[in-house]
Amino acid sequence: MNGVGANAPARGRRPLGRLCATLLVLGTAAVGGAPAAARERAGDPTAGRLLVADGDHGLLRIFELPSRSPLATLKVGSSPVAVAVATDGRTAWVADRDDATLAVVDLESFRLARTMPMEGIDRPFSLATGDGGRWLLVGGETGRRFVQLATDRGVVTRAMTTTEEGPHRVAAARRGSRLFVANQGAGSVTEMAVDSLRIAGHWPIGAQPGALAAGADGNRLIVALPERREVIVLNGSGRELARRALPGEPVGVAILPQGTHALVAIGAPAGIVVIDLRSLQAGALRPLEGTPGLIVTDETGARAYVGGRESAIAILELPEGDLVGRIEIGPGTSALAWAPAPPPRHSKRKR
């Protein structure tokens, strides 16, 4: 996911969500910086924006990178749990579990454009964009139903119900047309076509999957197995390439855009493990403070951003995973997403 926010641990302490019957058009941004800084760093591979959902306060916080300057804070609902971003960086989508809505955020004006009710989705929990950002997939925390939105029009174009029990997390290849669903109840991973939502196959993995991440071309998949303290690496056909034991329970995973390495967030003892996807060897635990569970990388694979509900966001230099900075933020982080700075729009000169 380009947003990958659905790798957050489930919270379960809020009441069941309700369907929202109205379409809200709101715009409340507190701008604390200028996007010009990102444009000035156009040649910097670490330049972009970091989007941080605050599930305790219903907020989306936006930071400029690499300066870490706050750009905006938006009210997006009551319990945002997942964030996805358009490939051009102009739009973000935020799934709200308890309100059963999808917030559409304009990242050029830092305004909440609208809020869409996600009827038929039980407690929206997972988001994934695919096929170059043409489609957005929305899945629920419970139930087996998924809906697909055309990102250029913002309308639901398809819906499907999977046959596997307990679909929970979703990941999509950044390039290509495949997405993958971790089914906790069935102990499997499902492969689907992004455009048609047609199921290509179910891959049994012998344990309850947690977080998962796909390589940019869909030829590598890494799946966390929290109960076994393992991760499993699959190829694009679902064949197991390796299982690696970990020093603790894996709670978040990510694959670098280059496809060379994977990152695994360990809850306790808190830290990060780097896995070389070429040799399939896992490195030693790199300790981090707090409760890491959410991981995103920038589009070049130069840096990763790791956070959790009770911790600041750690900034890691890749692929080694060295800590190079932190973004201090209060508790409540429920999802992370990286976004490119939107390219400037060229207006036509009047004659």
Foldseek 3Di string as FASTA:
>chain_A
DLWDLLLFDDDPPDDWADWDDDKDFWWDKDAFDDLVVLVVVVVPLFWFKKWFAFQQAQKIWIATPPVRTTGIIDRHDRGWFIKHAAQLQQWMWTQHQRHQWIWIAGRVVRTGGMIGTNPPAGRWREWEADANRQKIKIHHQAAFKIWIAGVVVRDTDDMDGDPAAAFRYKEYANHDFWIWTFRQRRQWIWIAGNPPRHTPDIAHDPAGWREKYAANHQQWIWTFRQVQQWIWIAGSVNDTDDIDHHPAGWSYKYAANVRQWMWTAHFVVGFIWIAGPVVRDIDHGDGDDDGWRAWDARNHRQWMWTDHQQDWIFIAGPDVGHTDDTNDDHGRGNIMRTGGSRDDDDDDDDD
